[in-house]
Amino acid sequence: MTRIDLAKEKYQKLSQKEFSVDPKDPEFMTQLQYLIFGEVFYIGDLSDTKRELVTCSVLCVLQALPQLKAYLNAALNIGVPSLELREALYQCAPFIGYPRTLNAIAVLNDVFEERGIKVPLANQIDFDDALRYEKGLEIQMPLYGTEIQERYSYLPKQMAKALPRFLTEWRFGDFYARKALDIQTRELLVLCILTALNATT
């Protein structure tokens, strides 16, 4: 199959519509679709569902909200569970802040509403709030050990203790300890989020 054949096949799978381009600018859109759906989608070993989670996370980071809406629909079209989609967007909050994440969640909720998916979705925290630190630490230690604590050891004593605890409770207790996405997927999404932010440290 040529990249054109592949692009048409993948586009139809994701959009559940016949392959088409914007008649106002068909040349640019054809180039874009042949590249994304005919080439990029076939590189590597990620499943289409994982690719959609990655794409939605990156579009959230970039605040490309019209494109995010299209890819959220595509993700649902190919069977990405609604809870996983929501978690992928939630996962962005520690890196891009709550306001931008809320922008993306508003788009997601609009998509859910249009598709008849009842919101709010099920709660994904199944432990008492007082256990945030312990639950977060359970996940953090095998992945990062004491790196966070060591990183902030230069701070004044009170802050050197408080900031790592805050990050354990918030970053890992409030996000990683949630259900719906496994740790491996969360780490993949975080790597993509950081790449989209051009984060180097």
Protein backbone atom coordinates (compact mmCIF):
# COMPACT_ATOMS: atom_id res chain seq x y z
CA MET A 1 0.00 0.00 0.00
CA THR A 2 1.17 3.53 -0.70
CA ARG A 3 1.21 6.21 1.98
CA ILE A 4 -1.92 7.62 0.35
CA ASP A 5 -3.72 4.29 0.75
CA LEU A 6 -2.49 4.01 4.34
CA ALA A 7 -3.57 7.58 5.12
CA LYS A 8 -7.07 7.00 3.79
CA GLU A 9 -7.43 3.75 5.72
CA LYS A 10 -6.20 5.23 9.00
CA TYR A 11 -8.25 8.41 8.60
CA GLN A 12 -11.42 6.40 8.06
CA LYS A 13 -10.68 4.24 11.10
CA LEU A 14 -10.12 7.23 13.37
CA SER A 15 -12.82 9.55 12.07
CA GLN A 16 -15.37 6.92 11.05
CA LYS A 17 -15.90 9.01 7.93
CA GLU A 18 -14.78 8.80 4.34
CA PHE A 19 -11.41 10.38 3.66
CA SER A 20 -11.79 14.06 2.81
CA VAL A 21 -9.88 17.33 2.97
CA ASP A 22 -10.90 20.90 3.69
CA PRO A 23 -12.06 22.33 0.33
CA LYS A 24 -10.83 25.79 1.37
CA ASP A 25 -7.21 24.60 1.50
CA PRO A 26 -7.04 21.10 0.04
CA GLU A 27 -3.34 21.18 -0.81
CA PHE A 28 -2.11 21.86 2.73
CA MET A 29 -4.62 19.50 4.34
CA THR A 30 -3.75 16.70 1.93
CA GLN A 31 -0.05 17.12 2.74
CA LEU A 32 -0.83 17.09 6.48
CA GLN A 33 -3.07 14.03 6.35
CA TYR A 34 -0.74 11.98 4.15
CA LEU A 35 2.13 12.71 6.54
CA ILE A 36 0.28 12.07 9.82
CA PHE A 37 -2.02 9.23 8.84
CA GLY A 38 0.07 7.70 6.06
CA GLU A 39 3.52 7.82 7.65
CA VAL A 40 3.79 8.94 11.29
CA PHE A 41 1.06 6.59 12.51
CA TYR A 42 3.04 3.61 11.21
CA ILE A 43 6.33 4.37 12.95
CA GLY A 44 7.13 2.43 16.11
CA ASP A 45 5.14 -0.09 18.12
CA LEU A 46 2.53 2.03 19.91
CA SER A 47 -1.06 0.96 19.50
CA ASP A 48 -3.47 3.42 17.94
CA THR A 49 -5.15 3.89 21.32
CA LYS A 50 -1.85 4.82 22.99
CA ARG A 51 -1.05 7.18 20.11
CA GLU A 52 -4.35 8.94 20.64
CA LEU A 53 -3.70 9.34 24.37
CA VAL A 54 -0.29 10.81 23.57
CA THR A 55 -1.72 13.11 20.91
CA CYS A 56 -4.51 14.37 23.16
CA SER A 57 -2.02 15.06 25.97
CA VAL A 58 0.28 17.01 23.67
CA LEU A 59 -2.59 19.01 22.16
CA CYS A 60 -3.68 19.86 25.71
CA VAL A 61 -0.17 21.11 26.48
CA LEU A 62 -0.09 23.16 23.27
CA GLN A 63 -3.65 24.43 23.91
CA ALA A 64 -4.56 23.45 20.36
CA LEU A 65 -8.19 23.09 21.43
CA PRO A 66 -9.94 22.74 18.03
CA GLN A 67 -7.53 19.95 17.10
CA LEU A 68 -7.91 18.44 20.57
CA LYS A 69 -11.65 18.10 20.01
CA ALA A 70 -11.08 16.19 16.77
CA TYR A 71 -8.59 13.82 18.37
CA LEU A 72 -10.73 13.25 21.46
CA ASN A 73 -13.47 12.11 19.11
CA ALA A 74 -11.01 9.94 17.20
CA ALA A 75 -9.84 8.35 20.45
CA LEU A 76 -13.40 7.49 21.43
CA ASN A 77 -14.07 6.20 17.91
CA ILE A 78 -11.32 3.59 18.23
CA GLY A 79 -12.27 2.50 21.73
CA VAL A 80 -10.18 4.58 24.14
CA PRO A 81 -12.21 4.48 27.37
CA SER A 82 -13.60 7.84 28.46
CA LEU A 83 -11.93 7.47 31.87
CA GLU A 84 -8.52 7.02 30.24
CA LEU A 85 -9.02 10.12 28.11
CA ARG A 86 -9.92 12.18 31.14
CA GLU A 87 -6.90 10.86 33.05
CA ALA A 88 -4.59 11.73 30.16
CA LEU A 89 -5.72 15.35 30.38
CA TYR A 90 -5.63 15.42 34.18
CA GLN A 91 -2.02 14.19 33.95
CA CYS A 92 -1.07 17.48 32.27
CA ALA A 93 -2.03 19.68 35.22
CA PRO A 94 1.22 19.46 37.25
CA PHE A 95 3.15 20.58 34.18
CA ILE A 96 0.95 23.18 32.50
CA GLY A 97 -1.17 24.32 35.46
CA TYR A 98 -4.85 24.04 36.25
CA PRO A 99 -6.18 26.87 34.00
CA ARG A 100 -4.85 25.33 30.77
CA THR A 101 -5.87 21.86 31.86
CA LEU A 102 -9.36 23.14 32.61
CA ASN A 103 -9.53 24.53 29.06
CA ALA A 104 -8.89 21.05 27.71
CA ILE A 105 -11.29 19.39 30.15
CA ALA A 106 -14.03 21.79 29.01
CA VAL A 107 -13.48 20.56 25.45
CA LEU A 108 -13.53 16.96 26.65
CA ASN A 109 -16.80 17.48 28.51
CA ASP A 110 -18.33 19.06 25.41
CA VAL A 111 -17.30 15.98 23.42
CA PHE A 112 -18.77 13.70 26.06
CA GLU A 113 -22.02 15.67 26.04
CA GLU A 114 -22.25 15.56 22.24
CA ARG A 115 -21.74 11.81 22.30
CA GLY A 116 -24.18 11.15 25.13
CA ILE A 117 -21.53 10.19 27.68
CA LYS A 118 -22.82 11.13 31.12
CA VAL A 119 -20.60 13.35 33.26
CA PRO A 120 -19.19 13.50 35.81
CA LEU A 121 -17.34 10.26 35.23
CA ALA A 122 -16.63 7.87 38.09
CA ASN A 123 -14.23 9.03 40.83
CA GLN A 124 -10.76 7.51 40.40
CA ILE A 125 -9.46 8.01 43.94
CA ASP A 126 -10.25 5.08 46.22
CA PHE A 127 -8.38 6.05 49.38
CA ASP A 128 -8.75 8.57 52.19
CA ASP A 129 -7.27 12.01 51.66
CA ALA A 130 -5.06 11.52 54.74
CA LEU A 131 -3.21 8.76 52.83
CA ARG A 132 -2.07 10.93 49.92
CA TYR A 133 1.55 10.97 51.05
CA GLU A 134 1.77 7.22 51.71
CA LYS A 135 0.05 6.33 48.43
CA GLY A 136 2.20 8.78 46.51
CA LEU A 137 5.40 7.52 48.10
CA GLU A 138 4.53 3.91 47.21
CA ILE A 139 4.59 4.91 43.55
CA GLN A 140 7.35 7.48 43.66
CA MET A 141 10.06 5.42 45.38
CA PRO A 142 10.38 2.59 42.83
CA LEU A 143 10.48 5.13 40.00
CA TYR A 144 12.57 7.98 41.40
CA GLY A 145 13.88 6.89 44.78
CA THR A 146 14.95 9.87 46.89
CA GLU A 147 15.74 12.05 43.87
CA ILE A 148 13.07 14.64 44.66
CA GLN A 149 14.19 15.01 48.27
CA GLU A 150 17.84 15.31 47.22
CA ARG A 151 17.02 17.81 44.49
CA TYR A 152 15.64 20.32 47.00
CA SER A 153 18.10 19.69 49.82
CA TYR A 154 19.73 23.10 49.19
CA LEU A 155 16.59 24.91 50.36
CA PRO A 156 16.19 26.26 53.91
CA LYS A 157 15.42 23.42 56.30
CA GLN A 158 11.66 23.90 56.55
CA MET A 159 11.24 24.24 52.76
CA ALA A 160 13.65 21.37 52.07
CA LYS A 161 11.29 19.13 53.98
CA ALA A 162 7.96 20.65 52.92
CA LEU A 163 8.46 20.89 49.14
CA PRO A 164 9.39 17.23 48.50
CA ARG A 165 6.46 16.13 50.66
CA PHE A 166 4.13 18.43 48.75
CA LEU A 167 5.33 17.02 45.42
CA THR A 168 4.92 13.43 46.66
CA GLU A 169 1.38 14.13 47.85
CA TRP A 170 0.36 16.17 44.83
CA ARG A 171 2.27 14.76 41.88
CA PHE A 172 2.05 11.11 42.88
CA GLY A 173 -0.73 10.93 45.47
CA ASP A 174 -3.20 13.12 43.61
CA PHE A 175 -2.35 11.98 40.08
CA TYR A 176 -0.32 8.77 39.75
CA ALA A 177 -2.34 7.01 42.44
CA ARG A 178 -5.55 7.51 40.50
CA LYS A 179 -7.11 4.55 38.74
CA ALA A 180 -7.92 4.21 35.00
CA LEU A 181 -4.32 4.56 33.71
CA ASP A 182 -1.43 2.29 34.61
CA ILE A 183 1.92 3.70 35.71
CA GLN A 184 3.65 2.78 32.45
CA THR A 185 1.12 4.80 30.45
CA ARG A 186 1.39 7.72 32.85
CA GLU A 187 5.17 7.76 32.48
CA LEU A 188 4.83 7.67 28.69
CA LEU A 189 2.43 10.61 28.77
CA VAL A 190 4.66 12.59 31.13
CA LEU A 191 7.63 12.06 28.80
CA CYS A 192 5.54 13.37 25.89
CA ILE A 193 4.24 16.29 27.95
CA LEU A 194 7.78 17.30 28.90
CA THR A 195 8.91 16.96 25.28
CA ALA A 196 6.05 19.22 24.14
CA LEU A 197 7.15 21.75 26.76
CA ASN A 198 10.77 21.47 25.58
CA ALA A 199 11.70 20.77 29.20
CA THR A 200 15.40 20.00 29.59
CA THR A 201 15.88 19.87 33.37
